[in-house]
Amino acid sequence: MANRAMDDRRYGFEAFDCAPALRLEAHERVSHLQIEGLKQRAERLVALIEKLEKRLWLAVYGIVGMFLAQAVQSLLEMTP
């Protein structure tokens, strides 16, 4: 029995349970992967919002251009 107690010890240190440390490392890895996934999603959303913003500005410029063209057309029709 004394030999078994000595076998459980390494270099004068008692054996300890490292399962909580392993679970903590696994949790940190999972958390890191989740955060990276969220960052990638956020970057994709920002890119989609920028595309949408460009399309909206294009629509606004198109509408303003249409109104200006109608105004110029009505001015040209008024002159003899």
N, C-alpha and C. Protein backbone atom coordinates (compact mmCIF):
# COMPACT_ATOMS: atom_id res chain seq x y z
N MET A 1 0.81 -1.18 0.00
CA MET A 1 0.00 0.00 0.00
C MET A 1 0.86 1.26 0.00
N ALA A 2 1.99 1.17 0.68
CA ALA A 2 2.88 2.33 0.75
C ALA A 2 3.47 2.62 -0.61
N ASN A 3 3.77 1.56 -1.39
CA ASN A 3 4.30 1.76 -2.73
C ASN A 3 3.27 2.46 -3.63
N ARG A 4 2.01 2.09 -3.47
CA ARG A 4 0.95 2.71 -4.28
C ARG A 4 0.85 4.20 -3.97
N ALA A 5 0.97 4.55 -2.71
CA ALA A 5 0.92 5.96 -2.33
C ALA A 5 2.11 6.70 -2.93
N MET A 6 3.23 6.04 -2.98
CA MET A 6 4.40 6.68 -3.57
C MET A 6 4.29 6.77 -5.09
N ASP A 7 3.61 5.78 -5.72
CA ASP A 7 3.44 5.82 -7.16
C ASP A 7 2.52 6.97 -7.58
N ASP A 8 1.56 7.30 -6.71
CA ASP A 8 0.63 8.39 -7.04
C ASP A 8 1.29 9.76 -6.95
N ARG A 9 2.42 9.78 -6.30
CA ARG A 9 3.10 11.07 -6.17
C ARG A 9 4.17 11.20 -7.26
N ARG A 10 4.33 12.41 -7.73
CA ARG A 10 5.38 12.67 -8.71
C ARG A 10 6.32 13.72 -8.15
N TYR A 11 7.56 13.39 -8.12
CA TYR A 11 8.60 14.33 -7.69
C TYR A 11 8.23 15.05 -6.40
N GLY A 12 7.61 14.33 -5.49
CA GLY A 12 7.29 14.91 -4.19
C GLY A 12 5.97 15.65 -4.14
N PHE A 13 5.25 15.70 -5.24
CA PHE A 13 3.95 16.38 -5.24
C PHE A 13 2.84 15.35 -5.18
N GLU A 14 1.77 15.71 -4.53
CA GLU A 14 0.62 14.82 -4.48
C GLU A 14 -0.14 14.90 -5.80
N ALA A 15 -0.80 13.79 -6.12
CA ALA A 15 -1.62 13.77 -7.34
C ALA A 15 -2.82 14.68 -7.13
N PHE A 16 -3.23 15.34 -8.18
CA PHE A 16 -4.41 16.21 -8.08
C PHE A 16 -5.30 15.95 -9.28
N ASP A 17 -6.54 16.32 -9.14
CA ASP A 17 -7.52 16.11 -10.20
C ASP A 17 -7.49 17.32 -11.12
N CYS A 18 -7.16 17.10 -12.38
CA CYS A 18 -7.06 18.22 -13.32
C CYS A 18 -8.29 18.30 -14.23
N ALA A 19 -9.32 17.55 -13.94
CA ALA A 19 -10.52 17.59 -14.78
C ALA A 19 -11.14 18.99 -14.85
N PRO A 20 -11.24 19.74 -13.73
CA PRO A 20 -11.79 21.09 -13.85
C PRO A 20 -10.96 21.98 -14.77
N ALA A 21 -9.65 21.80 -14.75
CA ALA A 21 -8.80 22.61 -15.62
C ALA A 21 -9.05 22.26 -17.08
N LEU A 22 -9.24 20.97 -17.37
CA LEU A 22 -9.52 20.56 -18.74
C LEU A 22 -10.87 21.08 -19.20
N ARG A 23 -11.86 21.05 -18.30
CA ARG A 23 -13.18 21.58 -18.65
C ARG A 23 -13.10 23.08 -18.90
N LEU A 24 -12.29 23.77 -18.10
CA LEU A 24 -12.12 25.20 -18.28
C LEU A 24 -11.48 25.51 -19.63
N GLU A 25 -10.46 24.74 -19.99
CA GLU A 25 -9.81 24.94 -21.30
C GLU A 25 -10.79 24.67 -22.44
N ALA A 26 -11.58 23.62 -22.32
CA ALA A 26 -12.57 23.31 -23.35
C ALA A 26 -13.60 24.42 -23.45
N HIS A 27 -14.03 24.92 -22.30
CA HIS A 27 -15.00 26.02 -22.31
C HIS A 27 -14.41 27.27 -22.95
N GLU A 28 -13.14 27.56 -22.67
CA GLU A 28 -12.48 28.71 -23.27
C GLU A 28 -12.38 28.56 -24.78
N ARG A 29 -12.07 27.35 -25.25
CA ARG A 29 -11.99 27.11 -26.70
C ARG A 29 -13.35 27.29 -27.35
N VAL A 30 -14.40 26.75 -26.73
CA VAL A 30 -15.75 26.89 -27.28
C VAL A 30 -16.16 28.35 -27.29
N SER A 31 -15.87 29.06 -26.20
CA SER A 31 -16.20 30.48 -26.14
C SER A 31 -15.47 31.26 -27.22
N HIS A 32 -14.21 30.94 -27.42
CA HIS A 32 -13.42 31.61 -28.45
C HIS A 32 -14.03 31.37 -29.83
N LEU A 33 -14.41 30.13 -30.11
CA LEU A 33 -15.02 29.81 -31.40
C LEU A 33 -16.36 30.54 -31.57
N GLN A 34 -17.13 30.63 -30.51
CA GLN A 34 -18.41 31.33 -30.59
C GLN A 34 -18.20 32.82 -30.85
N ILE A 35 -17.23 33.40 -30.19
CA ILE A 35 -16.95 34.83 -30.38
C ILE A 35 -16.46 35.08 -31.80
N GLU A 36 -15.59 34.21 -32.31
CA GLU A 36 -15.12 34.37 -33.68
C GLU A 36 -16.28 34.26 -34.67
N GLY A 37 -17.19 33.32 -34.43
CA GLY A 37 -18.36 33.19 -35.29
C GLY A 37 -19.23 34.44 -35.25
N LEU A 38 -19.39 35.01 -34.07
CA LEU A 38 -20.17 36.24 -33.95
C LEU A 38 -19.49 37.41 -34.68
N LYS A 39 -18.17 37.47 -34.58
CA LYS A 39 -17.44 38.53 -35.29
C LYS A 39 -17.62 38.39 -36.80
N GLN A 40 -17.54 37.17 -37.30
CA GLN A 40 -17.72 36.96 -38.74
C GLN A 40 -19.13 37.31 -39.17
N ARG A 41 -20.12 36.95 -38.36
CA ARG A 41 -21.50 37.32 -38.68
C ARG A 41 -21.67 38.83 -38.70
N ALA A 42 -21.08 39.50 -37.73
CA ALA A 42 -21.18 40.96 -37.66
C ALA A 42 -20.53 41.60 -38.88
N GLU A 43 -19.39 41.08 -39.30
CA GLU A 43 -18.73 41.62 -40.49
C GLU A 43 -19.59 41.43 -41.74
N ARG A 44 -20.24 40.25 -41.85
CA ARG A 44 -21.13 40.03 -43.00
C ARG A 44 -22.33 40.96 -42.96
N LEU A 45 -22.87 41.18 -41.76
CA LEU A 45 -24.00 42.10 -41.64
C LEU A 45 -23.61 43.53 -42.01
N VAL A 46 -22.43 43.95 -41.59
CA VAL A 46 -21.96 45.29 -41.94
C VAL A 46 -21.82 45.42 -43.45
N ALA A 47 -21.28 44.39 -44.10
CA ALA A 47 -21.13 44.43 -45.56
C ALA A 47 -22.50 44.48 -46.24
N LEU A 48 -23.47 43.71 -45.74
CA LEU A 48 -24.81 43.75 -46.32
C LEU A 48 -25.48 45.10 -46.11
N ILE A 49 -25.27 45.70 -44.95
CA ILE A 49 -25.85 47.02 -44.68
C ILE A 49 -25.23 48.06 -45.61
N GLU A 50 -23.93 47.97 -45.85
CA GLU A 50 -23.28 48.92 -46.76
C GLU A 50 -23.84 48.78 -48.18
N LYS A 51 -24.06 47.54 -48.62
CA LYS A 51 -24.65 47.33 -49.95
C LYS A 51 -26.05 47.92 -50.01
N LEU A 52 -26.83 47.70 -48.96
CA LEU A 52 -28.18 48.22 -48.91
C LEU A 52 -28.17 49.75 -48.92
N GLU A 53 -27.24 50.33 -48.19
CA GLU A 53 -27.13 51.79 -48.15
C GLU A 53 -26.81 52.35 -49.54
N LYS A 54 -25.92 51.70 -50.27
CA LYS A 54 -25.59 52.15 -51.62
C LYS A 54 -26.81 52.09 -52.52
N ARG A 55 -27.59 51.01 -52.40
CA ARG A 55 -28.80 50.86 -53.22
C ARG A 55 -29.82 51.92 -52.86
N LEU A 56 -29.96 52.22 -51.58
CA LEU A 56 -30.92 53.25 -51.18
C LEU A 56 -30.51 54.62 -51.71
N TRP A 57 -29.23 54.94 -51.63
CA TRP A 57 -28.77 56.23 -52.16
C TRP A 57 -28.98 56.29 -53.68
N LEU A 58 -28.76 55.18 -54.35
CA LEU A 58 -28.99 55.13 -55.79
C LEU A 58 -30.47 55.40 -56.09
N ALA A 59 -31.36 54.84 -55.30
CA ALA A 59 -32.79 55.07 -55.48
C ALA A 59 -33.13 56.54 -55.22
N VAL A 60 -32.56 57.11 -54.18
CA VAL A 60 -32.81 58.53 -53.87
C VAL A 60 -32.32 59.41 -55.00
N TYR A 61 -31.13 59.17 -55.50
CA TYR A 61 -30.62 59.97 -56.62
C TYR A 61 -31.47 59.78 -57.87
N GLY A 62 -31.97 58.58 -58.10
CA GLY A 62 -32.84 58.34 -59.24
C GLY A 62 -34.14 59.12 -59.14
N ILE A 63 -34.73 59.15 -57.96
CA ILE A 63 -35.98 59.90 -57.77
C ILE A 63 -35.73 61.39 -57.92
N VAL A 64 -34.66 61.89 -57.33
CA VAL A 64 -34.33 63.32 -57.46
C VAL A 64 -34.06 63.65 -58.93
N GLY A 65 -33.37 62.77 -59.63
CA GLY A 65 -33.10 62.99 -61.05
C GLY A 65 -34.39 63.01 -61.86
N MET A 66 -35.34 62.16 -61.52
CA MET A 66 -36.61 62.14 -62.22
C MET A 66 -37.36 63.45 -62.01
N PHE A 67 -37.39 63.94 -60.77
CA PHE A 67 -38.07 65.21 -60.50
C PHE A 67 -37.39 66.36 -61.22
N LEU A 68 -36.07 66.37 -61.24
CA LEU A 68 -35.35 67.44 -61.96
C LEU A 68 -35.62 67.35 -63.46
N ALA A 69 -35.66 66.16 -64.01
CA ALA A 69 -35.95 66.01 -65.44
C ALA A 69 -37.36 66.50 -65.76
N GLN A 70 -38.32 66.19 -64.91
CA GLN A 70 -39.68 66.69 -65.14
C GLN A 70 -39.74 68.21 -65.03
N ALA A 71 -39.00 68.78 -64.09
CA ALA A 71 -38.98 70.24 -63.95
C ALA A 71 -38.36 70.89 -65.18
N VAL A 72 -37.27 70.34 -65.67
CA VAL A 72 -36.62 70.89 -66.87
C VAL A 72 -37.55 70.72 -68.07
N GLN A 73 -38.21 69.60 -68.17
CA GLN A 73 -39.14 69.35 -69.29
C GLN A 73 -40.29 70.33 -69.25
N SER A 74 -40.84 70.59 -68.08
CA SER A 74 -41.95 71.55 -67.99
C SER A 74 -41.47 72.96 -68.30
N LEU A 75 -40.23 73.30 -67.94
CA LEU A 75 -39.68 74.62 -68.29
C LEU A 75 -39.48 74.75 -69.79
N LEU A 76 -39.04 73.68 -70.44
CA LEU A 76 -38.82 73.72 -71.87
C LEU A 76 -40.15 73.82 -72.63
N GLU A 77 -41.20 73.23 -72.10
CA GLU A 77 -42.49 73.28 -72.76
C GLU A 77 -43.13 74.66 -72.58
N MET A 78 -42.78 75.39 -71.53
CA MET A 78 -43.35 76.71 -71.30
C MET A 78 -42.74 77.76 -72.24
N THR A 79 -41.52 77.64 -72.62
CA THR A 79 -40.88 78.62 -73.50
C THR A 79 -41.36 78.42 -74.93
N PRO A 80 -41.70 79.56 -75.60
CA PRO A 80 -42.20 79.46 -76.98
C PRO A 80 -41.18 79.09 -77.99
